Amino acid sequence: MNHLRFLHYLDEVARVGSIRQAAERLHVAPSAVNRRIQDLEAELGTPLFERLPRGMRLTAAGELFVQYIRSRSAHLEQVRSEIEDLQGLRRGCVRIVVSQAAAADFLPERIAGFKKKHPLVEFHVQVGDHSRALDSLRTFESDLALIFHLTPESDIVRLDELVQPLCLVMHRDHPLAAQAGPVRLRQCLDYPLVLPGREIAGRQLLDAFLARRSIKLRPSIESNSFEFLLGYLRYEQALTFQIEIGAPCVGGELVSREIEDRGFPCANLVLACLRNRQLPVITYAFEEYLRSTFASFSRNRN
């Protein structure tokens, strides 16, 4: 399918904005990439890129054509998956974009469980925020998204969701860790706070809750990396907040506690895909597997 490979040349230039960089990533000569773009432009009768001093930028026609390429590539992957499924190979690739909080433990455990039954399946996992996840679905880089606090979008389908409370996280030697039951939010005011940045869904929920109350939380550190925030707790008696499934497991260096304040927020972990997107067979199987674990989590909480 050489014609599809040549179309991929154009797609790669659109992604990186440079013929030279695209050629390096594709392991071909820049002249070959440039020639294929010129051939396509001649065939279509219109420029697909603006040639700028510092790179290549898609024209309006180019934007339309790249969308066609990505849609066609995604459809081909679906057909391949269906053919392999008919052959009983159960191969294929599941492409998913996931929020940070679900990336550390929840999704790895789900993938490991799925691969016990389907060991030949490959996974391509991206970690990104709400905006990155939607872009990834719309450009066909990912087939599924597993993200928190998804706002309604006309072109996005919510396949399932799991309600998750915000929890307080601290080192196991922290004074509040000795408290067996839930913690009051006012108790947190006596300790340093390290919080997610305001662009993170969990922080937005926390800020909305505090806006209706007299409590003011002033973080000493903010970051868009949960890995950094959790790592910092090892060096100071500080506190942070995390979605329950992203909170440290029992028995580790870090511990979590529920907040007992009435109305303390929860977030929805949403499994989503692009509307009218027919998923490859193996991706659909993984979607069903995830939805079964959602149901199991809900039963365990109740």
Protein backbone atom coordinates (compact mmCIF):
# COMPACT_ATOMS: atom_id res chain seq x y z
CA MET A 1 0.00 0.00 0.00
CA ASN A 2 2.62 2.48 -1.13
CA HIS A 3 0.04 5.16 -1.89
CA LEU A 4 -0.92 5.24 1.79
CA ARG A 5 2.74 5.55 2.77
CA PHE A 6 3.09 8.56 0.50
CA LEU A 7 0.01 10.15 2.04
CA HIS A 8 1.65 9.59 5.42
CA TYR A 9 4.54 11.80 4.25
CA LEU A 10 2.16 14.73 3.97
CA ASP A 11 0.56 13.96 7.32
CA GLU A 12 3.95 13.90 9.05
CA VAL A 13 4.96 17.26 7.55
CA ALA A 14 1.66 18.69 8.80
CA ARG A 15 2.41 17.42 12.32
CA VAL A 16 6.00 18.70 12.61
CA GLY A 17 5.81 21.71 10.25
CA SER A 18 9.06 20.83 8.46
CA ILE A 19 10.01 18.66 5.49
CA ARG A 20 13.46 17.97 6.96
CA GLN A 21 12.14 16.91 10.37
CA ALA A 22 9.40 14.80 8.77
CA ALA A 23 11.99 13.07 6.56
CA GLU A 24 14.14 12.28 9.61
CA ARG A 25 11.19 10.75 11.44
CA LEU A 26 10.16 8.77 8.34
CA HIS A 27 13.76 7.69 7.55
CA VAL A 28 13.57 8.91 3.96
CA ALA A 29 15.27 11.66 1.98
CA PRO A 30 13.79 15.19 2.28
CA SER A 31 13.68 15.36 -1.51
CA ALA A 32 11.40 12.32 -1.61
CA VAL A 33 8.98 13.92 0.86
CA ASN A 34 9.00 17.22 -1.03
CA ARG A 35 8.43 15.45 -4.36
CA ARG A 36 5.39 13.57 -3.06
CA ILE A 37 3.86 16.77 -1.71
CA GLN A 38 4.41 18.49 -5.04
CA ASP A 39 2.85 15.52 -6.89
CA LEU A 40 -0.24 15.71 -4.67
CA GLU A 41 -0.53 19.47 -5.10
CA ALA A 42 -0.28 19.06 -8.89
CA GLU A 43 -2.91 16.32 -8.87
CA LEU A 44 -5.30 18.35 -6.70
CA GLY A 45 -4.58 21.60 -8.50
CA THR A 46 -4.00 23.64 -5.34
CA PRO A 47 -1.22 24.23 -2.76
CA LEU A 48 -1.53 22.12 0.37
CA PHE A 49 1.15 24.04 2.31
CA GLU A 50 2.36 27.57 2.69
CA ARG A 51 6.16 27.58 2.32
CA LEU A 52 7.35 29.86 5.13
CA PRO A 53 10.92 30.88 6.07
CA ARG A 54 10.72 28.73 9.18
CA GLY A 55 8.72 25.77 7.96
CA MET A 56 5.51 24.54 6.38
CA ARG A 57 1.95 25.50 7.32
CA LEU A 58 -1.20 23.87 5.99
CA THR A 59 -3.49 25.85 3.72
CA ALA A 60 -7.25 25.51 4.06
CA ALA A 61 -7.17 22.85 1.34
CA GLY A 62 -4.32 21.15 3.17
CA GLU A 63 -6.34 21.04 6.39
CA LEU A 64 -9.17 19.27 4.56
CA PHE A 65 -6.82 16.81 2.88
CA VAL A 66 -4.98 15.93 6.09
CA GLN A 67 -8.31 15.25 7.80
CA TYR A 68 -9.14 12.89 4.92
CA ILE A 69 -5.78 11.12 5.30
CA ARG A 70 -6.23 10.59 9.03
CA SER A 71 -9.79 9.40 8.65
CA ARG A 72 -8.76 6.96 5.92
CA SER A 73 -5.85 5.67 7.98
CA ALA A 74 -8.08 5.12 10.99
CA HIS A 75 -10.62 3.26 8.85
CA LEU A 76 -7.87 1.05 7.41
CA GLU A 77 -6.71 0.15 10.93
CA GLN A 78 -10.28 -0.84 11.78
CA VAL A 79 -10.50 -3.09 8.70
CA ARG A 80 -7.16 -4.69 9.52
CA SER A 81 -8.36 -5.38 13.04
CA GLU A 82 -11.55 -6.98 11.75
CA ILE A 83 -9.60 -9.18 9.31
CA GLU A 84 -7.23 -10.28 12.06
CA ASP A 85 -10.21 -10.95 14.32
CA LEU A 86 -11.73 -13.20 11.66
CA GLN A 87 -8.42 -15.08 11.51
CA GLY A 88 -8.51 -15.57 15.26
CA LEU A 89 -5.22 -13.74 15.82
CA ARG A 90 -6.67 -11.10 18.15
CA ARG A 91 -3.95 -8.69 17.17
CA GLY A 92 -4.31 -4.96 16.62
CA CYS A 93 -3.47 -1.76 18.43
CA VAL A 94 -5.57 0.09 21.01
CA ARG A 95 -4.91 3.84 20.98
CA ILE A 96 -6.00 5.69 24.10
CA VAL A 97 -5.37 9.09 25.67
CA VAL A 98 -5.65 9.31 29.45
CA SER A 99 -5.64 11.89 32.24
CA GLN A 100 -2.61 11.95 34.55
CA ALA A 101 -4.58 10.74 37.57
CA ALA A 102 -5.66 7.55 35.78
CA ALA A 103 -2.29 6.98 34.11
CA ALA A 104 -0.20 6.00 37.14
CA ASP A 105 -2.09 2.92 38.33
CA PHE A 106 -5.68 2.57 37.10
CA LEU A 107 -5.04 2.25 33.36
CA PRO A 108 -1.83 0.17 33.63
CA GLU A 109 -3.68 -2.38 35.76
CA ARG A 110 -6.58 -2.50 33.27
CA ILE A 111 -4.22 -2.97 30.32
CA ALA A 112 -2.29 -5.71 32.12
CA GLY A 113 -5.55 -7.50 32.90
CA PHE A 114 -6.71 -7.24 29.28
CA LYS A 115 -3.40 -8.50 27.89
CA LYS A 116 -3.64 -11.68 29.94
CA LYS A 117 -6.43 -12.73 27.56
CA HIS A 118 -5.10 -10.89 24.50
CA PRO A 119 -1.28 -10.99 24.75
CA LEU A 120 -0.72 -10.05 21.09
CA VAL A 121 -2.55 -6.74 21.36
CA GLU A 122 -0.42 -3.57 21.32
CA PHE A 123 -1.29 -0.34 23.14
CA HIS A 124 -0.43 3.24 22.28
CA VAL A 125 -1.04 5.43 25.36
CA GLN A 126 -0.82 9.22 25.51
CA VAL A 127 -1.10 11.21 28.73
CA GLY A 128 -2.75 14.59 28.38
CA ASP A 129 -5.20 17.07 29.79
CA HIS A 130 -8.82 17.60 28.72
CA SER A 131 -7.90 19.73 25.69
CA ARG A 132 -5.15 17.38 24.53
CA ALA A 133 -7.49 14.41 24.81
CA LEU A 134 -10.16 16.01 22.63
CA ASP A 135 -7.58 17.00 20.01
CA SER A 136 -6.25 13.44 19.98
CA LEU A 137 -9.71 12.01 19.32
CA ARG A 138 -10.50 14.55 16.62
CA THR A 139 -7.25 13.99 14.74
CA PHE A 140 -7.63 10.18 14.97
CA GLU A 141 -4.43 9.83 16.99
CA SER A 142 -6.48 8.05 19.66
CA ASP A 143 -9.62 5.93 19.45
CA LEU A 144 -10.57 6.22 23.12
CA ALA A 145 -10.15 8.85 25.82
CA LEU A 146 -10.20 8.28 29.57
CA ILE A 147 -10.43 11.75 31.08
CA PHE A 148 -11.88 13.62 34.05
CA HIS A 149 -14.51 16.32 34.07
CA LEU A 150 -15.41 16.09 30.37
CA THR A 151 -17.60 19.01 29.31
CA PRO A 152 -20.38 18.30 26.79
CA GLU A 153 -19.10 18.30 23.19
CA SER A 154 -21.37 17.69 20.20
CA ASP A 155 -18.86 15.45 18.42
CA ILE A 156 -17.81 13.40 21.48
CA VAL A 157 -19.74 10.39 22.83
CA ARG A 158 -19.59 9.54 26.55
CA LEU A 159 -19.45 5.75 26.58
CA ASP A 160 -19.38 5.38 30.37
CA GLU A 161 -18.29 7.22 33.50
CA LEU A 162 -17.10 6.53 37.01
CA VAL A 163 -17.72 8.92 39.93
CA GLN A 164 -14.51 9.59 41.86
CA PRO A 165 -14.15 11.64 45.08
CA LEU A 166 -11.24 13.98 45.70
CA CYS A 167 -8.97 12.66 48.45
CA LEU A 168 -6.31 14.20 50.67
CA VAL A 169 -2.82 12.73 50.10
CA MET A 170 0.17 12.90 52.45
CA HIS A 171 3.26 11.02 53.59
CA ARG A 172 2.59 8.13 55.97
CA ASP A 173 4.55 10.01 58.69
CA HIS A 174 2.37 13.11 58.43
CA PRO A 175 0.43 13.93 61.63
CA LEU A 176 -2.92 13.65 59.83
CA ALA A 177 -2.01 10.16 58.62
CA ALA A 178 -2.43 8.90 62.18
CA GLN A 179 -6.10 9.89 62.01
CA ALA A 180 -7.97 6.77 60.99
CA GLY A 181 -11.17 8.40 59.75
CA PRO A 182 -11.95 11.24 57.34
CA VAL A 183 -10.29 14.64 57.73
CA ARG A 184 -11.96 18.05 57.99
CA LEU A 185 -10.80 20.56 55.40
CA ARG A 186 -9.97 23.15 58.09
CA GLN A 187 -7.39 20.73 59.52
CA CYS A 188 -5.40 21.17 56.30
CA LEU A 189 -4.82 24.87 56.98
CA ASP A 190 -2.08 24.07 59.50
CA TYR A 191 0.17 22.44 56.89
CA PRO A 192 1.86 23.43 53.61
CA LEU A 193 -0.18 22.70 50.49
CA VAL A 194 1.14 21.57 47.11
CA LEU A 195 -1.66 21.68 44.57
CA PRO A 196 -2.27 20.92 40.90
CA GLY A 197 -2.30 23.94 38.59
CA ARG A 198 -5.57 25.72 37.91
CA GLU A 199 -5.82 24.10 34.47
CA ILE A 200 -6.20 20.65 36.12
CA ALA A 201 -9.78 19.36 36.55
CA GLY A 202 -9.32 18.36 40.20
CA ARG A 203 -8.04 21.84 41.11
CA GLN A 204 -10.97 23.46 39.32
CA LEU A 205 -13.41 21.35 41.34
CA LEU A 206 -11.60 22.24 44.57
CA ASP A 207 -11.61 25.97 43.76
CA ALA A 208 -15.32 25.90 42.90
CA PHE A 209 -16.06 24.23 46.25
CA LEU A 210 -13.95 26.75 48.21
CA ALA A 211 -15.54 29.71 46.42
CA ARG A 212 -18.80 28.93 48.24
CA ARG A 213 -17.13 28.72 51.65
CA SER A 214 -15.03 30.83 53.97
CA ILE A 215 -12.01 28.50 53.79
CA LYS A 216 -9.03 29.77 51.79
CA LEU A 217 -6.29 27.37 50.72
CA ARG A 218 -3.01 29.03 49.73
CA PRO A 219 -0.61 26.57 48.09
CA SER A 220 3.11 27.02 48.56
CA ILE A 221 3.75 25.04 45.37
CA GLU A 222 1.67 24.49 42.23
CA SER A 223 2.47 22.11 39.37
CA ASN A 224 0.82 20.46 36.37
CA SER A 225 2.62 17.20 37.24
CA PHE A 226 1.02 14.82 39.72
CA GLU A 227 4.24 12.83 39.77
CA PHE A 228 6.10 15.92 41.03
CA LEU A 229 3.45 16.76 43.63
CA LEU A 230 3.40 13.25 45.07
CA GLY A 231 7.18 13.13 45.01
CA TYR A 232 7.42 16.36 47.00
CA LEU A 233 5.38 14.90 49.85
CA ARG A 234 8.42 12.78 50.76
CA TYR A 235 10.41 15.86 51.76
CA GLU A 236 7.97 18.06 53.70
CA GLN A 237 4.89 17.57 55.85
CA ALA A 238 2.79 18.90 53.01
CA LEU A 239 -0.63 17.93 51.66
CA THR A 240 -2.14 17.60 48.21
CA PHE A 241 -5.42 16.42 46.67
CA GLN A 242 -5.93 13.65 44.15
CA ILE A 243 -8.78 11.73 42.54
CA GLU A 244 -9.37 8.47 44.45
CA ILE A 245 -8.08 6.11 41.76
CA GLY A 246 -4.97 8.26 41.38
CA ALA A 247 -4.28 8.22 45.12
CA PRO A 248 -1.45 6.02 46.43
CA CYS A 249 -2.20 2.39 47.17
CA VAL A 250 -2.56 1.16 50.75
CA GLY A 251 0.73 0.14 52.35
CA GLY A 252 2.98 2.49 50.44
CA GLU A 253 5.03 5.51 51.44
CA LEU A 254 2.08 7.83 50.80
CA VAL A 255 -1.45 7.52 52.16
CA SER A 256 -4.82 9.09 51.38
CA ARG A 257 -7.77 10.17 53.51
CA GLU A 258 -11.33 11.16 52.66
CA ILE A 259 -12.51 14.72 53.32
CA GLU A 260 -15.68 14.69 55.42
CA ASP A 261 -16.88 18.23 54.66
CA ARG A 262 -20.39 18.10 53.30
CA GLY A 263 -20.55 18.56 49.55
CA PHE A 264 -16.83 18.04 49.00
CA PRO A 265 -16.50 17.53 45.25
CA CYS A 266 -16.34 14.39 43.16
CA ALA A 267 -15.19 14.13 39.56
CA ASN A 268 -16.40 11.89 36.75
CA LEU A 269 -13.83 9.72 35.01
CA VAL A 270 -15.28 9.55 31.50
CA LEU A 271 -14.61 6.97 28.81
CA ALA A 272 -15.26 8.67 25.48
CA CYS A 273 -14.77 8.39 21.73
CA LEU A 274 -15.45 10.45 18.62
CA ARG A 275 -19.10 10.44 17.50
CA ASN A 276 -19.83 8.21 14.48
CA ARG A 277 -16.38 6.64 14.81
CA GLN A 278 -16.56 2.89 14.25
CA LEU A 279 -13.97 1.44 16.58
CA PRO A 280 -11.62 -1.38 15.54
CA VAL A 281 -12.74 -4.74 16.89
CA ILE A 282 -9.97 -5.04 19.47
CA THR A 283 -10.54 -1.45 20.66
CA TYR A 284 -14.21 -2.18 21.10
CA ALA A 285 -13.27 -5.26 23.16
CA PHE A 286 -11.05 -3.13 25.41
CA GLU A 287 -13.83 -0.54 25.75
CA GLU A 288 -16.17 -3.27 26.98
CA TYR A 289 -13.50 -4.48 29.40
CA LEU A 290 -13.05 -0.98 30.83
CA ARG A 291 -16.79 -0.55 31.24
CA SER A 292 -16.98 -3.81 33.20
CA THR A 293 -14.30 -2.51 35.59
CA PHE A 294 -16.25 0.73 36.00
CA ALA A 295 -19.26 -1.32 37.11
CA SER A 296 -17.07 -3.29 39.52
CA PHE A 297 -15.66 -0.09 41.08
CA SER A 298 -19.18 1.30 41.56
CA ARG A 299 -20.37 -1.89 43.27
CA ASN A 300 -17.35 -1.93 45.59
CA ARG A 301 -17.98 1.68 46.69
CA ASN A 302 -21.61 0.96 47.39
